[in-house]
Amino acid sequence: IKEPRFCLTLPLWRRHLERPVAVIPYRGPLQVARSLEVRNGFPRAVGIALWERYIRSALTASEDLPRLLVPFDRLLAEPVEQLEALFAGLVECGAAGLQMPAAEEIFQFVEPSL
């Protein structure tokens, strides 16, 4: 699920999670601002302010949780390697029952040309 607002609502539903791990994908503020400008017509200053609000919220809401950071640029450049690292991190944090998808499956939902 791609939903940046989860970082704002985590404090509300966190108590319902058994062993949460925060997975925080991140992009640079200018990348986010440009994307919001093209897609939504937001002025760059608004896009940067939203980026800051969401990043601060994600870090604050997860400060006492295991955290895994996922660099968006590297995910697009090397999706298999980055997802392998994420998978290993989740397993190290105690996540059970996970299965690493095959490279073909990864390329069905990660578009490196973005």
PDB file of N, CA and C in Angstrom:
ATOM      1  N   ILE A   1       0.859  -1.168   0.000  1.00  0.00           N
ATOM      2  CA  ILE A   1       0.000   0.000   0.000  1.00  0.00           C
ATOM      3  C   ILE A   1       0.901   1.226   0.000  1.00  0.00           C
ATOM      4  N   LYS A   2       0.687   2.098  -0.932  1.00  0.00           N
ATOM      5  CA  LYS A   2       1.429   3.361  -0.971  1.00  0.00           C
ATOM      6  C   LYS A   2       0.512   4.424  -0.367  1.00  0.00           C
ATOM      7  N   GLU A   3       0.771   4.758   0.871  1.00  0.00           N
ATOM      8  CA  GLU A   3      -0.087   5.723   1.562  1.00  0.00           C
ATOM      9  C   GLU A   3       0.749   6.551   2.520  1.00  0.00           C
ATOM     10  N   PRO A   4       1.217   7.712   2.061  1.00  0.00           N
ATOM     11  CA  PRO A   4       2.060   8.551   2.930  1.00  0.00           C
ATOM     12  C   PRO A   4       1.386   8.986   4.218  1.00  0.00           C
ATOM     13  N   ARG A   5       0.073   9.067   4.222  1.00  0.00           N
ATOM     14  CA  ARG A   5      -0.623   9.547   5.421  1.00  0.00           C
ATOM     15  C   ARG A   5      -0.601   8.558   6.571  1.00  0.00           C
ATOM     16  N   PHE A   6      -0.154   7.335   6.343  1.00  0.00           N
ATOM     17  CA  PHE A   6      -0.026   6.384   7.446  1.00  0.00           C
ATOM     18  C   PHE A   6       0.866   6.949   8.547  1.00  0.00           C
ATOM     19  N   CYS A   7       1.856   7.742   8.175  1.00  0.00           N
ATOM     20  CA  CYS A   7       2.744   8.304   9.202  1.00  0.00           C
ATOM     21  C   CYS A   7       1.991   9.264  10.120  1.00  0.00           C
ATOM     22  N   LEU A   8       0.903   9.838   9.633  1.00  0.00           N
ATOM     23  CA  LEU A   8       0.107  10.750  10.457  1.00  0.00           C
ATOM     24  C   LEU A   8      -0.849  10.001  11.373  1.00  0.00           C
ATOM     25  N   THR A   9      -1.290   8.821  10.944  1.00  0.00           N
ATOM     26  CA  THR A   9      -2.306   8.091  11.703  1.00  0.00           C
ATOM     27  C   THR A   9      -1.743   6.952  12.558  1.00  0.00           C
ATOM     28  N   LEU A  10      -0.471   6.653  12.423  1.00  0.00           N
ATOM     29  CA  LEU A  10       0.119   5.546  13.182  1.00  0.00           C
ATOM     30  C   LEU A  10      -0.182   5.626  14.681  1.00  0.00           C
ATOM     31  N   PRO A  11      -0.065   6.788  15.323  1.00  0.00           N
ATOM     32  CA  PRO A  11      -0.359   6.815  16.766  1.00  0.00           C
ATOM     33  C   PRO A  11      -1.768   6.345  17.111  1.00  0.00           C
ATOM     34  N   LEU A  12      -2.720   6.468  16.194  1.00  0.00           N
ATOM     35  CA  LEU A  12      -4.103   6.070  16.471  1.00  0.00           C
ATOM     36  C   LEU A  12      -4.312   4.562  16.428  1.00  0.00           C
ATOM     37  N   TRP A  13      -3.652   3.878  15.511  1.00  0.00           N
ATOM     38  CA  TRP A  13      -3.917   2.450  15.377  1.00  0.00           C
ATOM     39  C   TRP A  13      -2.754   1.570  15.784  1.00  0.00           C
ATOM     40  N   ARG A  14      -1.679   2.153  16.257  1.00  0.00           N
ATOM     41  CA  ARG A  14      -0.499   1.385  16.632  1.00  0.00           C
ATOM     42  C   ARG A  14      -0.772   0.356  17.726  1.00  0.00           C
ATOM     43  N   ARG A  15      -1.626   0.689  18.664  1.00  0.00           N
ATOM     44  CA  ARG A  15      -1.902  -0.236  19.774  1.00  0.00           C
ATOM     45  C   ARG A  15      -2.544  -1.535  19.307  1.00  0.00           C
ATOM     46  N   HIS A  16      -3.052  -1.562  18.084  1.00  0.00           N
ATOM     47  CA  HIS A  16      -3.687  -2.754  17.543  1.00  0.00           C
ATOM     48  C   HIS A  16      -2.700  -3.674  16.817  1.00  0.00           C
ATOM     49  N   LEU A  17      -1.456  -3.258  16.737  1.00  0.00           N
ATOM     50  CA  LEU A  17      -0.431  -4.045  16.051  1.00  0.00           C
ATOM     51  C   LEU A  17       0.367  -4.847  17.065  1.00  0.00           C
ATOM     52  N   GLU A  18       0.651  -6.085  16.739  1.00  0.00           N
ATOM     53  CA  GLU A  18       1.370  -6.945  17.677  1.00  0.00           C
ATOM     54  C   GLU A  18       2.850  -6.604  17.780  1.00  0.00           C
ATOM     55  N   ARG A  19       3.544  -6.593  16.670  1.00  0.00           N
ATOM     56  CA  ARG A  19       4.982  -6.313  16.661  1.00  0.00           C
ATOM     57  C   ARG A  19       5.304  -5.434  15.457  1.00  0.00           C
ATOM     58  N   PRO A  20       4.962  -4.175  15.521  1.00  0.00           N
ATOM     59  CA  PRO A  20       5.139  -3.314  14.342  1.00  0.00           C
ATOM     60  C   PRO A  20       6.611  -3.039  14.028  1.00  0.00           C
ATOM     61  N   VAL A  21       6.870  -2.926  12.753  1.00  0.00           N
ATOM     62  CA  VAL A  21       8.158  -2.492  12.227  1.00  0.00           C
ATOM     63  C   VAL A  21       7.850  -1.352  11.276  1.00  0.00           C
ATOM     64  N   ALA A  22       8.533  -0.246  11.411  1.00  0.00           N
ATOM     65  CA  ALA A  22       8.308   0.895  10.530  1.00  0.00           C
ATOM     66  C   ALA A  22       9.188   0.750   9.292  1.00  0.00           C
ATOM     67  N   VAL A  23       8.555   0.703   8.144  1.00  0.00           N
ATOM     68  CA  VAL A  23       9.264   0.709   6.867  1.00  0.00           C
ATOM     69  C   VAL A  23       9.019   2.090   6.271  1.00  0.00           C
ATOM     70  N   ILE A  24      10.081   2.859   6.159  1.00  0.00           N
ATOM     71  CA  ILE A  24       9.949   4.249   5.736  1.00  0.00           C
ATOM     72  C   ILE A  24      10.655   4.442   4.395  1.00  0.00           C
ATOM     73  N   PRO A  25       9.877   4.504   3.314  1.00  0.00           N
ATOM     74  CA  PRO A  25      10.480   4.854   2.031  1.00  0.00           C
ATOM     75  C   PRO A  25      10.744   6.359   2.028  1.00  0.00           C
ATOM     76  N   TYR A  26      11.830   6.761   1.420  1.00  0.00           N
ATOM     77  CA  TYR A  26      12.100   8.201   1.400  1.00  0.00           C
ATOM     78  C   TYR A  26      12.669   8.649   0.066  1.00  0.00           C
ATOM     79  N   ARG A  27      12.338   9.887  -0.255  1.00  0.00           N
ATOM     80  CA  ARG A  27      12.840  10.598  -1.430  1.00  0.00           C
ATOM     81  C   ARG A  27      13.287  11.962  -0.953  1.00  0.00           C
ATOM     82  N   GLY A  28      14.088  12.602  -1.755  1.00  0.00           N
ATOM     83  CA  GLY A  28      14.517  13.957  -1.426  1.00  0.00           C
ATOM     84  C   GLY A  28      13.351  14.921  -1.510  1.00  0.00           C
ATOM     85  N   PRO A  29      13.420  16.007  -0.744  1.00  0.00           N
ATOM     86  CA  PRO A  29      12.306  16.957  -0.719  1.00  0.00           C
ATOM     87  C   PRO A  29      12.017  17.596  -2.076  1.00  0.00           C
ATOM     88  N   LEU A  30      13.038  17.881  -2.855  1.00  0.00           N
ATOM     89  CA  LEU A  30      12.787  18.492  -4.162  1.00  0.00           C
ATOM     90  C   LEU A  30      12.142  17.510  -5.128  1.00  0.00           C
ATOM     91  N   GLN A  31      12.522  16.243  -5.044  1.00  0.00           N
ATOM     92  CA  GLN A  31      11.878  15.232  -5.879  1.00  0.00           C
ATOM     93  C   GLN A  31      10.389  15.153  -5.564  1.00  0.00           C
ATOM     94  N   VAL A  32      10.069  15.132  -4.293  1.00  0.00           N
ATOM     95  CA  VAL A  32       8.668  15.052  -3.880  1.00  0.00           C
ATOM     96  C   VAL A  32       7.924  16.314  -4.319  1.00  0.00           C
ATOM     97  N   ALA A  33       8.537  17.460  -4.102  1.00  0.00           N
ATOM     98  CA  ALA A  33       7.885  18.720  -4.466  1.00  0.00           C
ATOM     99  C   ALA A  33       7.627  18.798  -5.971  1.00  0.00           C
ATOM    100  N   ARG A  34       8.599  18.378  -6.779  1.00  0.00           N
ATOM    101  CA  ARG A  34       8.400  18.382  -8.235  1.00  0.00           C
ATOM    102  C   ARG A  34       7.279  17.424  -8.649  1.00  0.00           C
ATOM    103  N   SER A  35       7.247  16.263  -8.034  1.00  0.00           N
ATOM    104  CA  SER A  35       6.205  15.286  -8.348  1.00  0.00           C
ATOM    105  C   SER A  35       4.827  15.842  -8.014  1.00  0.00           C
ATOM    106  N   LEU A  36       4.682  16.454  -6.843  1.00  0.00           N
ATOM    107  CA  LEU A  36       3.397  17.036  -6.442  1.00  0.00           C
ATOM    108  C   LEU A  36       3.024  18.228  -7.328  1.00  0.00           C
ATOM    109  N   GLU A  37       4.029  18.955  -7.782  1.00  0.00           N
ATOM    110  CA  GLU A  37       3.784  20.092  -8.662  1.00  0.00           C
ATOM    111  C   GLU A  37       3.216  19.610 -10.003  1.00  0.00           C
ATOM    112  N   VAL A  38       3.824  18.571 -10.573  1.00  0.00           N
ATOM    113  CA  VAL A  38       3.372  18.042 -11.859  1.00  0.00           C
ATOM    114  C   VAL A  38       2.026  17.343 -11.719  1.00  0.00           C
ATOM    115  N   ARG A  39       1.908  16.483 -10.719  1.00  0.00           N
ATOM    116  CA  ARG A  39       0.702  15.659 -10.575  1.00  0.00           C
ATOM    117  C   ARG A  39      -0.491  16.441 -10.036  1.00  0.00           C
ATOM    118  N   ASN A  40      -0.253  17.326  -9.056  1.00  0.00           N
ATOM    119  CA  ASN A  40      -1.370  17.986  -8.368  1.00  0.00           C
ATOM    120  C   ASN A  40      -1.404  19.507  -8.532  1.00  0.00           C
ATOM    121  N   GLY A  41      -0.383  20.053  -9.174  1.00  0.00           N
ATOM    122  CA  GLY A  41      -0.340  21.505  -9.327  1.00  0.00           C
ATOM    123  C   GLY A  41       0.037  22.246  -8.057  1.00  0.00           C
ATOM    124  N   PHE A  42       0.617  21.548  -7.076  1.00  0.00           N
ATOM    125  CA  PHE A  42       1.021  22.202  -5.823  1.00  0.00           C
ATOM    126  C   PHE A  42       2.260  23.064  -6.068  1.00  0.00           C
ATOM    127  N   PRO A  43       2.306  24.247  -5.489  1.00  0.00           N
ATOM    128  CA  PRO A  43       3.545  25.023  -5.540  1.00  0.00           C
ATOM    129  C   PRO A  43       4.672  24.247  -4.845  1.00  0.00           C
ATOM    130  N   ARG A  44       5.897  24.446  -5.297  1.00  0.00           N
ATOM    131  CA  ARG A  44       7.018  23.695  -4.713  1.00  0.00           C
ATOM    132  C   ARG A  44       7.142  23.882  -3.208  1.00  0.00           C
ATOM    133  N   ALA A  45       6.887  25.081  -2.730  1.00  0.00           N
ATOM    134  CA  ALA A  45       6.993  25.320  -1.281  1.00  0.00           C
ATOM    135  C   ALA A  45       6.004  24.446  -0.513  1.00  0.00           C
ATOM    136  N   VAL A  46       4.825  24.248  -1.063  1.00  0.00           N
ATOM    137  CA  VAL A  46       3.825  23.387  -0.420  1.00  0.00           C
ATOM    138  C   VAL A  46       4.306  21.940  -0.438  1.00  0.00           C
ATOM    139  N   GLY A  47       4.866  21.503  -1.561  1.00  0.00           N
ATOM    140  CA  GLY A  47       5.389  20.143  -1.656  1.00  0.00           C
ATOM    141  C   GLY A  47       6.506  19.885  -0.660  1.00  0.00           C
ATOM    142  N   ILE A  48       7.386  20.834  -0.498  1.00  0.00           N
ATOM    143  CA  ILE A  48       8.483  20.684   0.471  1.00  0.00           C
ATOM    144  C   ILE A  48       7.934  20.665   1.887  1.00  0.00           C
ATOM    145  N   ALA A  49       6.954  21.507   2.156  1.00  0.00           N
ATOM    146  CA  ALA A  49       6.344  21.530   3.495  1.00  0.00           C
ATOM    147  C   ALA A  49       5.652  20.197   3.794  1.00  0.00           C
ATOM    148  N   LEU A  50       4.962  19.629   2.812  1.00  0.00           N
ATOM    149  CA  LEU A  50       4.326  18.324   3.010  1.00  0.00           C
ATOM    150  C   LEU A  50       5.377  17.245   3.257  1.00  0.00           C
ATOM    151  N   TRP A  51       6.444  17.268   2.465  1.00  0.00           N
ATOM    152  CA  TRP A  51       7.536  16.301   2.662  1.00  0.00           C
ATOM    153  C   TRP A  51       8.054  16.383   4.094  1.00  0.00           C
ATOM    154  N   GLU A  52       8.315  17.612   4.565  1.00  0.00           N
ATOM    155  CA  GLU A  52       8.842  17.785   5.922  1.00  0.00           C
ATOM    156  C   GLU A  52       7.849  17.277   6.965  1.00  0.00           C
ATOM    157  N   ARG A  53       6.580  17.594   6.796  1.00  0.00           N
ATOM    158  CA  ARG A  53       5.552  17.172   7.755  1.00  0.00           C
ATOM    159  C   ARG A  53       5.480  15.652   7.836  1.00  0.00           C
ATOM    160  N   TYR A  54       5.484  15.006   6.687  1.00  0.00           N
ATOM    161  CA  TYR A  54       5.363  13.546   6.667  1.00  0.00           C
ATOM    162  C   TYR A  54       6.621  12.871   7.203  1.00  0.00           C
ATOM    163  N   ILE A  55       7.785  13.362   6.847  1.00  0.00           N
ATOM    164  CA  ILE A  55       9.032  12.764   7.345  1.00  0.00           C
ATOM    165  C   ILE A  55       9.126  12.934   8.858  1.00  0.00           C
ATOM    166  N   ARG A  56       8.822  14.121   9.348  1.00  0.00           N
ATOM    167  CA  ARG A  56       8.857  14.342  10.801  1.00  0.00           C
ATOM    168  C   ARG A  56       7.855  13.428  11.517  1.00  0.00           C
ATOM    169  N   SER A  57       6.656  13.327  10.950  1.00  0.00           N
ATOM    170  CA  SER A  57       5.635  12.468  11.556  1.00  0.00           C
ATOM    171  C   SER A  57       6.071  11.013  11.560  1.00  0.00           C
ATOM    172  N   ALA A  58       6.634  10.550  10.447  1.00  0.00           N
ATOM    173  CA  ALA A  58       7.079   9.155  10.368  1.00  0.00           C
ATOM    174  C   ALA A  58       8.163   8.866  11.397  1.00  0.00           C
ATOM    175  N   LEU A  59       9.121   9.762  11.521  1.00  0.00           N
ATOM    176  CA  LEU A  59      10.214   9.547  12.470  1.00  0.00           C
ATOM    177  C   LEU A  59       9.736   9.655  13.919  1.00  0.00           C
ATOM    178  N   THR A  60       8.867  10.593  14.201  1.00  0.00           N
ATOM    179  CA  THR A  60       8.351  10.748  15.567  1.00  0.00           C
ATOM    180  C   THR A  60       7.480   9.557  15.968  1.00  0.00           C
ATOM    181  N   ALA A  61       6.574   9.161  15.077  1.00  0.00           N
ATOM    182  CA  ALA A  61       5.650   8.073  15.401  1.00  0.00           C
ATOM    183  C   ALA A  61       6.353   6.727  15.538  1.00  0.00           C
ATOM    184  N   SER A  62       7.528   6.599  14.938  1.00  0.00           N
ATOM    185  CA  SER A  62       8.225   5.314  14.955  1.00  0.00           C
ATOM    186  C   SER A  62       9.509   5.347  15.774  1.00  0.00           C
ATOM    187  N   GLU A  63       9.689   6.376  16.584  1.00  0.00           N
ATOM    188  CA  GLU A  63      10.975   6.546  17.268  1.00  0.00           C
ATOM    189  C   GLU A  63      11.351   5.389  18.184  1.00  0.00           C
ATOM    190  N   ASP A  64      10.391   4.660  18.693  1.00  0.00           N
ATOM    191  CA  ASP A  64      10.716   3.536  19.576  1.00  0.00           C
ATOM    192  C   ASP A  64      10.470   2.182  18.905  1.00  0.00           C
ATOM    193  N   LEU A  65      10.323   2.185  17.591  1.00  0.00           N
ATOM    194  CA  LEU A  65      10.099   0.949  16.834  1.00  0.00           C
ATOM    195  C   LEU A  65      11.346   0.590  16.030  1.00  0.00           C
ATOM    196  N   PRO A  66      11.487  -0.683  15.685  1.00  0.00           N
ATOM    197  CA  PRO A  66      12.517  -0.994  14.694  1.00  0.00           C
ATOM    198  C   PRO A  66      12.136  -0.297  13.388  1.00  0.00           C
ATOM    199  N   ARG A  67      13.121   0.307  12.731  1.00  0.00           N
ATOM    200  CA  ARG A  67      12.844   1.055  11.502  1.00  0.00           C
ATOM    201  C   ARG A  67      13.741   0.575  10.375  1.00  0.00           C
ATOM    202  N   LEU A  68      13.157   0.509   9.212  1.00  0.00           N
ATOM    203  CA  LEU A  68      13.900   0.201   8.005  1.00  0.00           C
ATOM    204  C   LEU A  68      13.646   1.330   7.012  1.00  0.00           C
ATOM    205  N   LEU A  69      14.716   1.935   6.538  1.00  0.00           N
ATOM    206  CA  LEU A  69      14.601   3.021   5.575  1.00  0.00           C
ATOM    207  C   LEU A  69      14.832   2.467   4.172  1.00  0.00           C
ATOM    208  N   VAL A  70      13.990   2.865   3.244  1.00  0.00           N
ATOM    209  CA  VAL A  70      14.077   2.391   1.870  1.00  0.00           C
ATOM    210  C   VAL A  70      14.279   3.600   0.960  1.00  0.00           C
ATOM    211  N   PRO A  71      15.485   3.744   0.395  1.00  0.00           N
ATOM    212  CA  PRO A  71      15.736   4.881  -0.502  1.00  0.00           C
ATOM    213  C   PRO A  71      15.035   4.679  -1.848  1.00  0.00           C
ATOM    214  N   PHE A  72      14.122   5.548  -2.173  1.00  0.00           N
ATOM    215  CA  PHE A  72      13.300   5.428  -3.375  1.00  0.00           C
ATOM    216  C   PHE A  72      14.149   5.338  -4.638  1.00  0.00           C
ATOM    217  N   ASP A  73      15.154   6.199  -4.768  1.00  0.00           N
ATOM    218  CA  ASP A  73      16.002   6.193  -5.968  1.00  0.00           C
ATOM    219  C   ASP A  73      16.691   4.851  -6.154  1.00  0.00           C
ATOM    220  N   ARG A  74      17.206   4.310  -5.075  1.00  0.00           N
ATOM    221  CA  ARG A  74      17.894   3.018  -5.168  1.00  0.00           C
ATOM    222  C   ARG A  74      16.912   1.886  -5.417  1.00  0.00           C
ATOM    223  N   LEU A  75      15.697   2.010  -4.889  1.00  0.00           N
ATOM    224  CA  LEU A  75      14.672   1.000  -5.145  1.00  0.00           C
ATOM    225  C   LEU A  75      14.385   0.915  -6.640  1.00  0.00           C
ATOM    226  N   LEU A  76      14.290   2.065  -7.291  1.00  0.00           N
ATOM    227  CA  LEU A  76      14.034   2.064  -8.729  1.00  0.00           C
ATOM    228  C   LEU A  76      15.250   1.602  -9.526  1.00  0.00           C
ATOM    229  N   ALA A  77      16.448   1.969  -9.071  1.00  0.00           N
ATOM    230  CA  ALA A  77      17.673   1.614  -9.793  1.00  0.00           C
ATOM    231  C   ALA A  77      18.039   0.141  -9.642  1.00  0.00           C
ATOM    232  N   GLU A  78      17.792  -0.397  -8.474  1.00  0.00           N
ATOM    233  CA  GLU A  78      18.152  -1.792  -8.191  1.00  0.00           C
ATOM    234  C   GLU A  78      17.073  -2.452  -7.338  1.00  0.00           C
ATOM    235  N   PRO A  79      15.908  -2.685  -7.930  1.00  0.00           N
ATOM    236  CA  PRO A  79      14.767  -3.167  -7.144  1.00  0.00           C
ATOM    237  C   PRO A  79      14.998  -4.517  -6.467  1.00  0.00           C
ATOM    238  N   VAL A  80      15.624  -5.444  -7.143  1.00  0.00           N
ATOM    239  CA  VAL A  80      15.813  -6.769  -6.542  1.00  0.00           C
ATOM    240  C   VAL A  80      16.723  -6.668  -5.326  1.00  0.00           C
ATOM    241  N   GLU A  81      17.842  -5.975  -5.469  1.00  0.00           N
ATOM    242  CA  GLU A  81      18.789  -5.849  -4.368  1.00  0.00           C
ATOM    243  C   GLU A  81      18.178  -5.104  -3.183  1.00  0.00           C
ATOM    244  N   GLN A  82      17.428  -4.051  -3.456  1.00  0.00           N
ATOM    245  CA  GLN A  82      16.823  -3.275  -2.376  1.00  0.00           C
ATOM    246  C   GLN A  82      15.730  -4.070  -1.665  1.00  0.00           C
ATOM    247  N   LEU A  83      14.956  -4.835  -2.409  1.00  0.00           N
ATOM    248  CA  LEU A  83      13.923  -5.643  -1.764  1.00  0.00           C
ATOM    249  C   LEU A  83      14.523  -6.817  -1.007  1.00  0.00           C
ATOM    250  N   GLU A  84      15.634  -7.344  -1.490  1.00  0.00           N
ATOM    251  CA  GLU A  84      16.340  -8.373  -0.720  1.00  0.00           C
ATOM    252  C   GLU A  84      16.821  -7.798   0.609  1.00  0.00           C
ATOM    253  N   ALA A  85      17.355  -6.577   0.569  1.00  0.00           N
ATOM    254  CA  ALA A  85      17.809  -5.925   1.808  1.00  0.00           C
ATOM    255  C   ALA A  85      16.633  -5.659   2.743  1.00  0.00           C
ATOM    256  N   LEU A  86      15.504  -5.212   2.190  1.00  0.00           N
ATOM    257  CA  LEU A  86      14.312  -4.975   3.007  1.00  0.00           C
ATOM    258  C   LEU A  86      13.818  -6.282   3.617  1.00  0.00           C
ATOM    259  N   PHE A  87      13.769  -7.329   2.826  1.00  0.00           N
ATOM    260  CA  PHE A  87      13.352  -8.639   3.312  1.00  0.00           C
ATOM    261  C   PHE A  87      14.248  -9.087   4.464  1.00  0.00           C
ATOM    262  N   ALA A  88      15.566  -8.974   4.283  1.00  0.00           N
ATOM    263  CA  ALA A  88      16.513  -9.372   5.336  1.00  0.00           C
ATOM    264  C   ALA A  88      16.292  -8.529   6.592  1.00  0.00           C
ATOM    265  N   GLY A  89      16.064  -7.240   6.425  1.00  0.00           N
ATOM    266  CA  GLY A  89      15.814  -6.374   7.572  1.00  0.00           C
ATOM    267  C   GLY A  89      14.550  -6.744   8.314  1.00  0.00           C
ATOM    268  N   LEU A  90      13.492  -7.067   7.579  1.00  0.00           N
ATOM    269  CA  LEU A  90      12.239  -7.476   8.217  1.00  0.00           C
ATOM    270  C   LEU A  90      12.416  -8.779   8.994  1.00  0.00           C
ATOM    271  N   VAL A  91      13.131  -9.722   8.400  1.00  0.00           N
ATOM    272  CA  VAL A  91      13.394 -10.993   9.090  1.00  0.00           C
ATOM    273  C   VAL A  91      14.216 -10.738  10.348  1.00  0.00           C
ATOM    274  N   GLU A  92      15.215  -9.873  10.240  1.00  0.00           N
ATOM    275  CA  GLU A  92      16.050  -9.537  11.405  1.00  0.00           C
ATOM    276  C   GLU A  92      15.225  -8.883  12.508  1.00  0.00           C
ATOM    277  N   CYS A  93      14.190  -8.151  12.135  1.00  0.00           N
ATOM    278  CA  CYS A  93      13.309  -7.506  13.119  1.00  0.00           C
ATOM    279  C   CYS A  93      12.279  -8.474  13.694  1.00  0.00           C
ATOM    280  N   GLY A  94      12.297  -9.719  13.232  1.00  0.00           N
ATOM    281  CA  GLY A  94      11.400 -10.711  13.794  1.00  0.00           C
ATOM    282  C   GLY A  94      10.152 -10.992  12.986  1.00  0.00           C
ATOM    283  N   ALA A  95      10.033 -10.397  11.812  1.00  0.00           N
ATOM    284  CA  ALA A  95       8.862 -10.677  10.977  1.00  0.00           C
ATOM    285  C   ALA A  95       8.920 -12.130  10.524  1.00  0.00           C
ATOM    286  N   ALA A  96       7.798 -12.812  10.649  1.00  0.00           N
ATOM    287  CA  ALA A  96       7.741 -14.238  10.282  1.00  0.00           C
ATOM    288  C   ALA A  96       6.737 -14.444   9.167  1.00  0.00           C
ATOM    289  N   GLY A  97       6.895 -15.549   8.467  1.00  0.00           N
ATOM    290  CA  GLY A  97       5.932 -15.911   7.439  1.00  0.00           C
ATOM    291  C   GLY A  97       6.083 -15.147   6.142  1.00  0.00           C
ATOM    292  N   LEU A  98       7.210 -14.485   5.959  1.00  0.00           N
ATOM    293  CA  LEU A  98       7.425 -13.727   4.732  1.00  0.00           C
ATOM    294  C   LEU A  98       8.077 -14.614   3.681  1.00  0.00           C
ATOM    295  N   GLN A  99       7.860 -14.267   2.433  1.00  0.00           N
ATOM    296  CA  GLN A  99       8.508 -14.978   1.339  1.00  0.00           C
ATOM    297  C   GLN A  99       9.047 -13.942   0.370  1.00  0.00           C
ATOM    298  N   MET A 100      10.315 -14.053   0.024  1.00  0.00           N
ATOM    299  CA  MET A 100      10.929 -13.135  -0.921  1.00  0.00           C
ATOM    300  C   MET A 100      10.396 -13.449  -2.316  1.00  0.00           C
ATOM    301  N   PRO A 101       9.828 -12.451  -2.988  1.00  0.00           N
ATOM    302  CA  PRO A 101       9.319 -12.701  -4.335  1.00  0.00           C
ATOM    303  C   PRO A 101      10.467 -12.896  -5.331  1.00  0.00           C
ATOM    304  N   ALA A 102      10.171 -13.609  -6.402  1.00  0.00           N
ATOM    305  CA  ALA A 102      11.149 -13.795  -7.476  1.00  0.00           C
ATOM    306  C   ALA A 102      11.349 -12.472  -8.211  1.00  0.00           C
ATOM    307  N   ALA A 103      12.480 -12.343  -8.880  1.00  0.00           N
ATOM    308  CA  ALA A 103      12.797 -11.109  -9.610  1.00  0.00           C
ATOM    309  C   ALA A 103      11.686 -10.752 -10.597  1.00  0.00           C
ATOM    310  N   GLU A 104      11.122 -11.746 -11.265  1.00  0.00           N
ATOM    311  CA  GLU A 104      10.049 -11.483 -12.237  1.00  0.00           C
ATOM    312  C   GLU A 104       8.847 -10.831 -11.559  1.00  0.00           C
ATOM    313  N   GLU A 105       8.529 -11.283 -10.372  1.00  0.00           N
ATOM    314  CA  GLU A 105       7.407 -10.700  -9.621  1.00  0.00           C
ATOM    315  C   GLU A 105       7.716  -9.267  -9.217  1.00  0.00           C
ATOM    316  N   ILE A 106       8.952  -9.017  -8.819  1.00  0.00           N
ATOM    317  CA  ILE A 106       9.352  -7.676  -8.408  1.00  0.00           C
ATOM    318  C   ILE A 106       9.175  -6.696  -9.563  1.00  0.00           C
ATOM    319  N   PHE A 107       9.605  -7.111 -10.746  1.00  0.00           N
ATOM    320  CA  PHE A 107       9.499  -6.206 -11.902  1.00  0.00           C
ATOM    321  C   PHE A 107       8.064  -6.031 -12.397  1.00  0.00           C
ATOM    322  N   GLN A 108       7.137  -6.804 -11.869  1.00  0.00           N
ATOM    323  CA  GLN A 108       5.727  -6.586 -12.195  1.00  0.00           C
ATOM    324  C   GLN A 108       5.147  -5.409 -11.427  1.00  0.00           C
ATOM    325  N   PHE A 109       5.753  -5.063 -10.285  1.00  0.00           N
ATOM    326  CA  PHE A 109       5.199  -3.938  -9.521  1.00  0.00           C
ATOM    327  C   PHE A 109       6.197  -2.821  -9.234  1.00  0.00           C
ATOM    328  N   VAL A 110       7.453  -2.973  -9.623  1.00  0.00           N
ATOM    329  CA  VAL A 110       8.422  -1.882  -9.519  1.00  0.00           C
ATOM    330  C   VAL A 110       8.855  -1.526 -10.924  1.00  0.00           C
ATOM    331  N   GLU A 111       8.623  -0.284 -11.317  1.00  0.00           N
ATOM    332  CA  GLU A 111       8.940   0.170 -12.657  1.00  0.00           C
ATOM    333  C   GLU A 111      10.212   1.028 -12.618  1.00  0.00           C
ATOM    334  N   PRO A 112      11.384   0.415 -12.936  1.00  0.00           N
ATOM    335  CA  PRO A 112      12.653   1.142 -12.852  1.00  0.00           C
ATOM    336  C   PRO A 112      12.718   2.377 -13.749  1.00  0.00           C
ATOM    337  N   SER A 113      11.954   2.423 -14.826  1.00  0.00           N
ATOM    338  CA  SER A 113      12.032   3.575 -15.726  1.00  0.00           C
ATOM    339  C   SER A 113      11.445   4.837 -15.113  1.00  0.00           C
ATOM    340  N   LEU A 114      10.785   4.737 -13.964  1.00  0.00           N
ATOM    341  CA  LEU A 114      10.252   5.924 -13.308  1.00  0.00           C
ATOM    342  C   LEU A 114      11.381   6.816 -12.837  1.00  0.00           C
TER     343      LEU A 114
END
